[in-house]
Amino acid sequence: MVTQDIEKIDSVLNGLTNYIKVVTPIEKTNTVHLVLEDILRKNAALLKSKGNKAFKKYEKNLPETVVHEEHLKYIFNSLLEFVILTIPPTELSGS
């Protein structure tokens, strides 16, 4: 029984180790802009249901960020979902 528990713990630890391994990201242009556009598009219905809109203003000529795209997606999506859920809904005029 102890051996089975150790095997299970070892399996979980191996899975976590593989999950947190940092993969060298590929440098691409406009990664941040494209990820933000994707996240905003995916959450547009939730924003609209709360009567809110997202406005974006991008700085020009900024250097490209070399970060793994999936990490950015997770961070931006988590932030946006948290913000949307904490904003009180606004009353829509004419509704």
PDB file of N, CA and C in Angstrom:
ATOM      1  N   MET A   1       0.829  -1.191   0.000  1.00  0.00           N
ATOM      2  CA  MET A   1       0.000   0.000   0.000  1.00  0.00           C
ATOM      3  C   MET A   1       0.877   1.261   0.000  1.00  0.00           C
ATOM      4  N   VAL A   2       1.927   1.239   0.810  1.00  0.00           N
ATOM      5  CA  VAL A   2       2.842   2.374   0.872  1.00  0.00           C
ATOM      6  C   VAL A   2       3.527   2.546  -0.474  1.00  0.00           C
ATOM      7  N   THR A   3       3.891   1.455  -1.114  1.00  0.00           N
ATOM      8  CA  THR A   3       4.539   1.513  -2.422  1.00  0.00           C
ATOM      9  C   THR A   3       3.620   2.156  -3.447  1.00  0.00           C
ATOM     10  N   GLN A   4       2.337   1.809  -3.411  1.00  0.00           N
ATOM     11  CA  GLN A   4       1.376   2.413  -4.340  1.00  0.00           C
ATOM     12  C   GLN A   4       1.246   3.907  -4.092  1.00  0.00           C
ATOM     13  N   ASP A   5       1.226   4.321  -2.821  1.00  0.00           N
ATOM     14  CA  ASP A   5       1.139   5.741  -2.497  1.00  0.00           C
ATOM     15  C   ASP A   5       2.375   6.486  -2.983  1.00  0.00           C
ATOM     16  N   ILE A   6       3.527   5.880  -2.805  1.00  0.00           N
ATOM     17  CA  ILE A   6       4.774   6.502  -3.267  1.00  0.00           C
ATOM     18  C   ILE A   6       4.767   6.632  -4.782  1.00  0.00           C
ATOM     19  N   GLU A   7       4.271   5.614  -5.472  1.00  0.00           N
ATOM     20  CA  GLU A   7       4.190   5.667  -6.931  1.00  0.00           C
ATOM     21  C   GLU A   7       3.246   6.772  -7.378  1.00  0.00           C
ATOM     22  N   LYS A   8       2.129   6.924  -6.682  1.00  0.00           N
ATOM     23  CA  LYS A   8       1.173   7.975  -7.023  1.00  0.00           C
ATOM     24  C   LYS A   8       1.793   9.361  -6.798  1.00  0.00           C
ATOM     25  N   ILE A   9       2.461   9.533  -5.667  1.00  0.00           N
ATOM     26  CA  ILE A   9       3.096  10.815  -5.362  1.00  0.00           C
ATOM     27  C   ILE A   9       4.186  11.104  -6.382  1.00  0.00           C
ATOM     28  N   ASP A  10       4.964  10.086  -6.732  1.00  0.00           N
ATOM     29  CA  ASP A  10       6.020  10.242  -7.731  1.00  0.00           C
ATOM     30  C   ASP A  10       5.426  10.655  -9.081  1.00  0.00           C
ATOM     31  N   SER A  11       4.307  10.053  -9.422  1.00  0.00           N
ATOM     32  CA  SER A  11       3.641  10.383 -10.684  1.00  0.00           C
ATOM     33  C   SER A  11       3.164  11.834 -10.684  1.00  0.00           C
ATOM     34  N   VAL A  12       2.585  12.271  -9.586  1.00  0.00           N
ATOM     35  CA  VAL A  12       2.113  13.652  -9.472  1.00  0.00           C
ATOM     36  C   VAL A  12       3.293  14.623  -9.558  1.00  0.00           C
ATOM     37  N   LEU A  13       4.372  14.316  -8.849  1.00  0.00           N
ATOM     38  CA  LEU A  13       5.542  15.185  -8.883  1.00  0.00           C
ATOM     39  C   LEU A  13       6.147  15.257 -10.276  1.00  0.00           C
ATOM     40  N   ASN A  14       6.202  14.134 -10.977  1.00  0.00           N
ATOM     41  CA  ASN A  14       6.711  14.140 -12.355  1.00  0.00           C
ATOM     42  C   ASN A  14       5.819  14.991 -13.255  1.00  0.00           C
ATOM     43  N   GLY A  15       4.501  14.870 -13.061  1.00  0.00           N
ATOM     44  CA  GLY A  15       3.566  15.677 -13.845  1.00  0.00           C
ATOM     45  C   GLY A  15       3.748  17.158 -13.586  1.00  0.00           C
ATOM     46  N   LEU A  16       3.899  17.530 -12.321  1.00  0.00           N
ATOM     47  CA  LEU A  16       4.116  18.940 -11.983  1.00  0.00           C
ATOM     48  C   LEU A  16       5.445  19.446 -12.532  1.00  0.00           C
ATOM     49  N   THR A  17       6.472  18.620 -12.440  1.00  0.00           N
ATOM     50  CA  THR A  17       7.773  19.021 -12.967  1.00  0.00           C
ATOM     51  C   THR A  17       7.695  19.259 -14.465  1.00  0.00           C
ATOM     52  N   ASN A  18       7.020  18.380 -15.179  1.00  0.00           N
ATOM     53  CA  ASN A  18       6.859  18.563 -16.622  1.00  0.00           C
ATOM     54  C   ASN A  18       6.021  19.792 -16.941  1.00  0.00           C
ATOM     55  N   TYR A  19       5.039  20.072 -16.100  1.00  0.00           N
ATOM     56  CA  TYR A  19       4.163  21.221 -16.332  1.00  0.00           C
ATOM     57  C   TYR A  19       4.909  22.542 -16.183  1.00  0.00           C
ATOM     58  N   ILE A  20       5.797  22.620 -15.194  1.00  0.00           N
ATOM     59  CA  ILE A  20       6.440  23.901 -14.937  1.00  0.00           C
ATOM     60  C   ILE A  20       7.746  24.094 -15.691  1.00  0.00           C
ATOM     61  N   LYS A  21       8.151  23.109 -16.469  1.00  0.00           N
ATOM     62  CA  LYS A  21       9.356  23.300 -17.276  1.00  0.00           C
ATOM     63  C   LYS A  21       9.124  24.468 -18.227  1.00  0.00           C
ATOM     64  N   VAL A  22      10.072  25.346 -18.265  1.00  0.00           N
ATOM     65  CA  VAL A  22       9.952  26.514 -19.124  1.00  0.00           C
ATOM     66  C   VAL A  22      10.472  26.154 -20.508  1.00  0.00           C
ATOM     67  N   VAL A  23       9.617  26.312 -21.476  1.00  0.00           N
ATOM     68  CA  VAL A  23       9.986  26.073 -22.850  1.00  0.00           C
ATOM     69  C   VAL A  23      10.481  27.392 -23.419  1.00  0.00           C
ATOM     70  N   THR A  24      11.548  27.352 -24.160  1.00  0.00           N
ATOM     71  CA  THR A  24      12.066  28.577 -24.756  1.00  0.00           C
ATOM     72  C   THR A  24      11.038  29.117 -25.734  1.00  0.00           C
ATOM     73  N   PRO A  25      10.515  30.301 -25.466  1.00  0.00           N
ATOM     74  CA  PRO A  25       9.504  30.858 -26.358  1.00  0.00           C
ATOM     75  C   PRO A  25      10.091  31.281 -27.689  1.00  0.00           C
ATOM     76  N   ILE A  26       9.260  31.269 -28.683  1.00  0.00           N
ATOM     77  CA  ILE A  26       9.652  31.727 -30.014  1.00  0.00           C
ATOM     78  C   ILE A  26       9.350  33.215 -30.085  1.00  0.00           C
ATOM     79  N   GLU A  27      10.321  33.989 -30.514  1.00  0.00           N
ATOM     80  CA  GLU A  27      10.113  35.431 -30.616  1.00  0.00           C
ATOM     81  C   GLU A  27       9.247  35.728 -31.828  1.00  0.00           C
ATOM     82  N   LYS A  28       8.115  36.359 -31.576  1.00  0.00           N
ATOM     83  CA  LYS A  28       7.190  36.747 -32.634  1.00  0.00           C
ATOM     84  C   LYS A  28       6.827  38.207 -32.429  1.00  0.00           C
ATOM     85  N   THR A  29       6.388  38.845 -33.481  1.00  0.00           N
ATOM     86  CA  THR A  29       5.986  40.244 -33.347  1.00  0.00           C
ATOM     87  C   THR A  29       4.516  40.318 -32.940  1.00  0.00           C
ATOM     88  N   ASN A  30       4.186  41.356 -32.196  1.00  0.00           N
ATOM     89  CA  ASN A  30       2.810  41.652 -31.757  1.00  0.00           C
ATOM     90  C   ASN A  30       2.172  40.550 -30.922  1.00  0.00           C
ATOM     91  N   THR A  31       2.975  39.783 -30.216  1.00  0.00           N
ATOM     92  CA  THR A  31       2.432  38.693 -29.399  1.00  0.00           C
ATOM     93  C   THR A  31       1.438  39.216 -28.371  1.00  0.00           C
ATOM     94  N   VAL A  32       1.822  40.252 -27.648  1.00  0.00           N
ATOM     95  CA  VAL A  32       0.956  40.790 -26.599  1.00  0.00           C
ATOM     96  C   VAL A  32      -0.345  41.308 -27.202  1.00  0.00           C
ATOM     97  N   HIS A  33      -0.256  42.040 -28.305  1.00  0.00           N
ATOM     98  CA  HIS A  33      -1.458  42.587 -28.939  1.00  0.00           C
ATOM     99  C   HIS A  33      -2.385  41.469 -29.408  1.00  0.00           C
ATOM    100  N   LEU A  34      -1.816  40.465 -30.044  1.00  0.00           N
ATOM    101  CA  LEU A  34      -2.642  39.366 -30.558  1.00  0.00           C
ATOM    102  C   LEU A  34      -3.297  38.571 -29.429  1.00  0.00           C
ATOM    103  N   VAL A  35      -2.554  38.338 -28.360  1.00  0.00           N
ATOM    104  CA  VAL A  35      -3.115  37.605 -27.220  1.00  0.00           C
ATOM    105  C   VAL A  35      -4.237  38.409 -26.573  1.00  0.00           C
ATOM    106  N   LEU A  36      -4.015  39.707 -26.391  1.00  0.00           N
ATOM    107  CA  LEU A  36      -5.066  40.553 -25.801  1.00  0.00           C
ATOM    108  C   LEU A  36      -6.317  40.585 -26.672  1.00  0.00           C
ATOM    109  N   GLU A  37      -6.139  40.714 -27.974  1.00  0.00           N
ATOM    110  CA  GLU A  37      -7.290  40.717 -28.886  1.00  0.00           C
ATOM    111  C   GLU A  37      -8.073  39.417 -28.766  1.00  0.00           C
ATOM    112  N   ASP A  38      -7.362  38.293 -28.707  1.00  0.00           N
ATOM    113  CA  ASP A  38      -8.001  36.980 -28.601  1.00  0.00           C
ATOM    114  C   ASP A  38      -8.783  36.853 -27.294  1.00  0.00           C
ATOM    115  N   ILE A  39      -8.172  37.264 -26.189  1.00  0.00           N
ATOM    116  CA  ILE A  39      -8.824  37.169 -24.877  1.00  0.00           C
ATOM    117  C   ILE A  39     -10.043  38.084 -24.814  1.00  0.00           C
ATOM    118  N   LEU A  40      -9.923  39.285 -25.339  1.00  0.00           N
ATOM    119  CA  LEU A  40     -11.067  40.208 -25.336  1.00  0.00           C
ATOM    120  C   LEU A  40     -12.207  39.683 -26.199  1.00  0.00           C
ATOM    121  N   ARG A  41     -11.861  39.094 -27.342  1.00  0.00           N
ATOM    122  CA  ARG A  41     -12.890  38.534 -28.228  1.00  0.00           C
ATOM    123  C   ARG A  41     -13.621  37.372 -27.534  1.00  0.00           C
ATOM    124  N   LYS A  42     -12.864  36.525 -26.848  1.00  0.00           N
ATOM    125  CA  LYS A  42     -13.468  35.370 -26.170  1.00  0.00           C
ATOM    126  C   LYS A  42     -14.349  35.785 -24.996  1.00  0.00           C
ATOM    127  N   ASN A  43     -14.073  36.928 -24.394  1.00  0.00           N
ATOM    128  CA  ASN A  43     -14.845  37.392 -23.241  1.00  0.00           C
ATOM    129  C   ASN A  43     -15.824  38.505 -23.588  1.00  0.00           C
ATOM    130  N   ALA A  44     -16.008  38.774 -24.865  1.00  0.00           N
ATOM    131  CA  ALA A  44     -16.881  39.871 -25.296  1.00  0.00           C
ATOM    132  C   ALA A  44     -18.316  39.690 -24.817  1.00  0.00           C
ATOM    133  N   ALA A  45     -18.823  38.475 -24.866  1.00  0.00           N
ATOM    134  CA  ALA A  45     -20.209  38.235 -24.445  1.00  0.00           C
ATOM    135  C   ALA A  45     -20.390  38.514 -22.953  1.00  0.00           C
ATOM    136  N   LEU A  46     -19.418  38.111 -22.149  1.00  0.00           N
ATOM    137  CA  LEU A  46     -19.498  38.356 -20.713  1.00  0.00           C
ATOM    138  C   LEU A  46     -19.418  39.848 -20.412  1.00  0.00           C
ATOM    139  N   LEU A  47     -18.555  40.549 -21.109  1.00  0.00           N
ATOM    140  CA  LEU A  47     -18.473  42.004 -20.946  1.00  0.00           C
ATOM    141  C   LEU A  47     -19.799  42.665 -21.319  1.00  0.00           C
ATOM    142  N   LYS A  48     -20.346  42.256 -22.450  1.00  0.00           N
ATOM    143  CA  LYS A  48     -21.594  42.842 -22.929  1.00  0.00           C
ATOM    144  C   LYS A  48     -22.741  42.547 -21.967  1.00  0.00           C
ATOM    145  N   SER A  49     -22.777  41.346 -21.406  1.00  0.00           N
ATOM    146  CA  SER A  49     -23.854  40.983 -20.483  1.00  0.00           C
ATOM    147  C   SER A  49     -23.830  41.838 -19.224  1.00  0.00           C
ATOM    148  N   LYS A  50     -22.657  42.353 -18.870  1.00  0.00           N
ATOM    149  CA  LYS A  50     -22.535  43.234 -17.706  1.00  0.00           C
ATOM    150  C   LYS A  50     -22.739  44.697 -18.085  1.00  0.00           C
ATOM    151  N   GLY A  51     -22.916  44.964 -19.394  1.00  0.00           N
ATOM    152  CA  GLY A  51     -23.111  46.336 -19.844  1.00  0.00           C
ATOM    153  C   GLY A  51     -21.817  47.138 -19.875  1.00  0.00           C
ATOM    154  N   ASN A  52     -20.691  46.456 -20.052  1.00  0.00           N
ATOM    155  CA  ASN A  52     -19.383  47.111 -20.072  1.00  0.00           C
ATOM    156  C   ASN A  52     -18.708  46.916 -21.415  1.00  0.00           C
ATOM    157  N   LYS A  53     -17.738  47.788 -21.682  1.00  0.00           N
ATOM    158  CA  LYS A  53     -16.921  47.677 -22.883  1.00  0.00           C
ATOM    159  C   LYS A  53     -15.464  47.777 -22.484  1.00  0.00           C
ATOM    160  N   ALA A  54     -14.609  47.167 -23.280  1.00  0.00           N
ATOM    161  CA  ALA A  54     -13.169  47.275 -23.047  1.00  0.00           C
ATOM    162  C   ALA A  54     -12.575  48.157 -24.130  1.00  0.00           C
ATOM    163  N   PHE A  55     -11.792  49.115 -23.717  1.00  0.00           N
ATOM    164  CA  PHE A  55     -11.086  49.973 -24.654  1.00  0.00           C
ATOM    165  C   PHE A  55      -9.609  49.656 -24.529  1.00  0.00           C
ATOM    166  N   LYS A  56      -8.933  49.651 -25.648  1.00  0.00           N
ATOM    167  CA  LYS A  56      -7.501  49.354 -25.607  1.00  0.00           C
ATOM    168  C   LYS A  56      -6.732  50.445 -26.331  1.00  0.00           C
ATOM    169  N   LYS A  57      -5.583  50.727 -25.786  1.00  0.00           N
ATOM    170  CA  LYS A  57      -4.699  51.720 -26.386  1.00  0.00           C
ATOM    171  C   LYS A  57      -3.295  51.143 -26.323  1.00  0.00           C
ATOM    172  N   TYR A  58      -2.732  50.864 -27.484  1.00  0.00           N
ATOM    173  CA  TYR A  58      -1.413  50.269 -27.552  1.00  0.00           C
ATOM    174  C   TYR A  58      -0.363  51.349 -27.768  1.00  0.00           C
ATOM    175  N   GLU A  59       0.726  51.252 -27.047  1.00  0.00           N
ATOM    176  CA  GLU A  59       1.862  52.143 -27.259  1.00  0.00           C
ATOM    177  C   GLU A  59       2.538  51.749 -28.565  1.00  0.00           C
ATOM    178  N   LYS A  60       3.115  52.705 -29.244  1.00  0.00           N
ATOM    179  CA  LYS A  60       3.785  52.426 -30.513  1.00  0.00           C
ATOM    180  C   LYS A  60       5.272  52.175 -30.292  1.00  0.00           C
ATOM    181  N   ASN A  61       5.837  51.383 -31.177  1.00  0.00           N
ATOM    182  CA  ASN A  61       7.274  51.121 -31.229  1.00  0.00           C
ATOM    183  C   ASN A  61       7.857  50.536 -29.948  1.00  0.00           C
ATOM    184  N   LEU A  62       7.090  49.722 -29.254  1.00  0.00           N
ATOM    185  CA  LEU A  62       7.630  49.043 -28.083  1.00  0.00           C
ATOM    186  C   LEU A  62       8.358  47.780 -28.526  1.00  0.00           C
ATOM    187  N   PRO A  63       9.394  47.380 -27.797  1.00  0.00           N
ATOM    188  CA  PRO A  63      10.087  46.137 -28.179  1.00  0.00           C
ATOM    189  C   PRO A  63       9.187  44.931 -27.905  1.00  0.00           C
ATOM    190  N   GLU A  64       9.411  43.877 -28.646  1.00  0.00           N
ATOM    191  CA  GLU A  64       8.622  42.660 -28.475  1.00  0.00           C
ATOM    192  C   GLU A  64       8.999  41.984 -27.159  1.00  0.00           C
ATOM    193  N   THR A  65       8.016  41.459 -26.482  1.00  0.00           N
ATOM    194  CA  THR A  65       8.235  40.721 -25.248  1.00  0.00           C
ATOM    195  C   THR A  65       8.427  39.258 -25.589  1.00  0.00           C
ATOM    196  N   VAL A  66       9.461  38.664 -25.050  1.00  0.00           N
ATOM    197  CA  VAL A  66       9.719  37.253 -25.314  1.00  0.00           C
ATOM    198  C   VAL A  66       9.221  36.464 -24.107  1.00  0.00           C
ATOM    199  N   VAL A  67       7.952  36.125 -24.139  1.00  0.00           N
ATOM    200  CA  VAL A  67       7.305  35.351 -23.089  1.00  0.00           C
ATOM    201  C   VAL A  67       6.499  34.277 -23.779  1.00  0.00           C
ATOM    202  N   HIS A  68       6.388  33.127 -23.138  1.00  0.00           N
ATOM    203  CA  HIS A  68       5.622  32.045 -23.734  1.00  0.00           C
ATOM    204  C   HIS A  68       4.163  32.487 -23.901  1.00  0.00           C
ATOM    205  N   GLU A  69       3.632  32.298 -25.085  1.00  0.00           N
ATOM    206  CA  GLU A  69       2.291  32.772 -25.429  1.00  0.00           C
ATOM    207  C   GLU A  69       1.208  32.199 -24.524  1.00  0.00           C
ATOM    208  N   GLU A  70       1.329  30.927 -24.153  1.00  0.00           N
ATOM    209  CA  GLU A  70       0.322  30.312 -23.281  1.00  0.00           C
ATOM    210  C   GLU A  70       0.325  30.942 -21.891  1.00  0.00           C
ATOM    211  N   HIS A  71       1.487  31.351 -21.426  1.00  0.00           N
ATOM    212  CA  HIS A  71       1.553  32.028 -20.131  1.00  0.00           C
ATOM    213  C   HIS A  71       0.819  33.359 -20.190  1.00  0.00           C
ATOM    214  N   LEU A  72       1.059  34.114 -21.269  1.00  0.00           N
ATOM    215  CA  LEU A  72       0.360  35.390 -21.433  1.00  0.00           C
ATOM    216  C   LEU A  72      -1.148  35.196 -21.500  1.00  0.00           C
ATOM    217  N   LYS A  73      -1.582  34.195 -22.258  1.00  0.00           N
ATOM    218  CA  LYS A  73      -3.019  33.926 -22.378  1.00  0.00           C
ATOM    219  C   LYS A  73      -3.624  33.641 -21.015  1.00  0.00           C
ATOM    220  N   TYR A  74      -2.969  32.808 -20.241  1.00  0.00           N
ATOM    221  CA  TYR A  74      -3.480  32.462 -18.916  1.00  0.00           C
ATOM    222  C   TYR A  74      -3.555  33.691 -18.015  1.00  0.00           C
ATOM    223  N   ILE A  75      -2.495  34.484 -18.004  1.00  0.00           N
ATOM    224  CA  ILE A  75      -2.452  35.673 -17.147  1.00  0.00           C
ATOM    225  C   ILE A  75      -3.523  36.681 -17.555  1.00  0.00           C
ATOM    226  N   PHE A  76      -3.577  37.026 -18.835  1.00  0.00           N
ATOM    227  CA  PHE A  76      -4.548  38.020 -19.293  1.00  0.00           C
ATOM    228  C   PHE A  76      -5.983  37.540 -19.113  1.00  0.00           C
ATOM    229  N   ASN A  77      -6.231  36.267 -19.409  1.00  0.00           N
ATOM    230  CA  ASN A  77      -7.577  35.734 -19.260  1.00  0.00           C
ATOM    231  C   ASN A  77      -8.004  35.745 -17.792  1.00  0.00           C
ATOM    232  N   SER A  78      -7.122  35.340 -16.902  1.00  0.00           N
ATOM    233  CA  SER A  78      -7.437  35.338 -15.471  1.00  0.00           C
ATOM    234  C   SER A  78      -7.717  36.748 -14.967  1.00  0.00           C
ATOM    235  N   LEU A  79      -6.888  37.697 -15.367  1.00  0.00           N
ATOM    236  CA  LEU A  79      -7.100  39.084 -14.959  1.00  0.00           C
ATOM    237  C   LEU A  79      -8.426  39.636 -15.474  1.00  0.00           C
ATOM    238  N   LEU A  80      -8.695  39.403 -16.745  1.00  0.00           N
ATOM    239  CA  LEU A  80      -9.931  39.929 -17.327  1.00  0.00           C
ATOM    240  C   LEU A  80     -11.160  39.294 -16.687  1.00  0.00           C
ATOM    241  N   GLU A  81     -11.133  37.999 -16.474  1.00  0.00           N
ATOM    242  CA  GLU A  81     -12.280  37.343 -15.833  1.00  0.00           C
ATOM    243  C   GLU A  81     -12.499  37.884 -14.428  1.00  0.00           C
ATOM    244  N   PHE A  82     -11.427  38.089 -13.675  1.00  0.00           N
ATOM    245  CA  PHE A  82     -11.546  38.634 -12.327  1.00  0.00           C
ATOM    246  C   PHE A  82     -12.133  40.038 -12.362  1.00  0.00           C
ATOM    247  N   VAL A  83     -11.615  40.859 -13.260  1.00  0.00           N
ATOM    248  CA  VAL A  83     -12.105  42.236 -13.369  1.00  0.00           C
ATOM    249  C   VAL A  83     -13.580  42.254 -13.761  1.00  0.00           C
ATOM    250  N   ILE A  84     -13.945  41.447 -14.744  1.00  0.00           N
ATOM    251  CA  ILE A  84     -15.338  41.416 -15.199  1.00  0.00           C
ATOM    252  C   ILE A  84     -16.267  40.988 -14.065  1.00  0.00           C
ATOM    253  N   LEU A  85     -15.860  40.001 -13.308  1.00  0.00           N
ATOM    254  CA  LEU A  85     -16.717  39.499 -12.234  1.00  0.00           C
ATOM    255  C   LEU A  85     -16.816  40.466 -11.057  1.00  0.00           C
ATOM    256  N   THR A  86     -15.850  41.350 -10.894  1.00  0.00           N
ATOM    257  CA  THR A  86     -15.896  42.289  -9.773  1.00  0.00           C
ATOM    258  C   THR A  86     -16.526  43.628 -10.131  1.00  0.00           C
ATOM    259  N   ILE A  87     -16.744  43.885 -11.413  1.00  0.00           N
ATOM    260  CA  ILE A  87     -17.378  45.136 -11.832  1.00  0.00           C
ATOM    261  C   ILE A  87     -18.889  44.987 -11.695  1.00  0.00           C
ATOM    262  N   PRO A  88     -19.524  45.918 -10.985  1.00  0.00           N
ATOM    263  CA  PRO A  88     -20.989  45.852 -10.911  1.00  0.00           C
ATOM    264  C   PRO A  88     -21.591  46.146 -12.283  1.00  0.00           C
ATOM    265  N   PRO A  89     -22.666  45.457 -12.617  1.00  0.00           N
ATOM    266  CA  PRO A  89     -23.278  45.709 -13.938  1.00  0.00           C
ATOM    267  C   PRO A  89     -23.836  47.121 -14.016  1.00  0.00           C
ATOM    268  N   THR A  90     -23.717  47.709 -15.189  1.00  0.00           N
ATOM    269  CA  THR A  90     -24.285  49.037 -15.407  1.00  0.00           C
ATOM    270  C   THR A  90     -25.664  48.849 -16.034  1.00  0.00           C
ATOM    271  N   GLU A  91     -26.520  49.799 -15.777  1.00  0.00           N
ATOM    272  CA  GLU A  91     -27.856  49.733 -16.369  1.00  0.00           C
ATOM    273  C   GLU A  91     -27.768  50.188 -17.818  1.00  0.00           C
ATOM    274  N   LEU A  92     -28.327  49.383 -18.683  1.00  0.00           N
ATOM    275  CA  LEU A  92     -28.328  49.721 -20.093  1.00  0.00           C
ATOM    276  C   LEU A  92     -29.541  50.604 -20.389  1.00  0.00           C
ATOM    277  N   SER A  93     -29.304  51.757 -20.971  1.00  0.00           N
ATOM    278  CA  SER A  93     -30.405  52.657 -21.285  1.00  0.00           C
ATOM    279  C   SER A  93     -31.227  52.081 -22.416  1.00  0.00           C
ATOM    280  N   GLY A  94     -32.516  52.169 -22.298  1.00  0.00           N
ATOM    281  CA  GLY A  94     -33.426  51.683 -23.336  1.00  0.00           C
ATOM    282  C   GLY A  94     -33.709  50.191 -23.228  1.00  0.00           C
ATOM    283  N   SER A  95     -33.235  49.538 -22.177  1.00  0.00           N
ATOM    284  CA  SER A  95     -33.484  48.100 -22.021  1.00  0.00           C
ATOM    285  C   SER A  95     -34.668  47.870 -21.139  1.00  0.00           C
TER     286      SER A  95
END
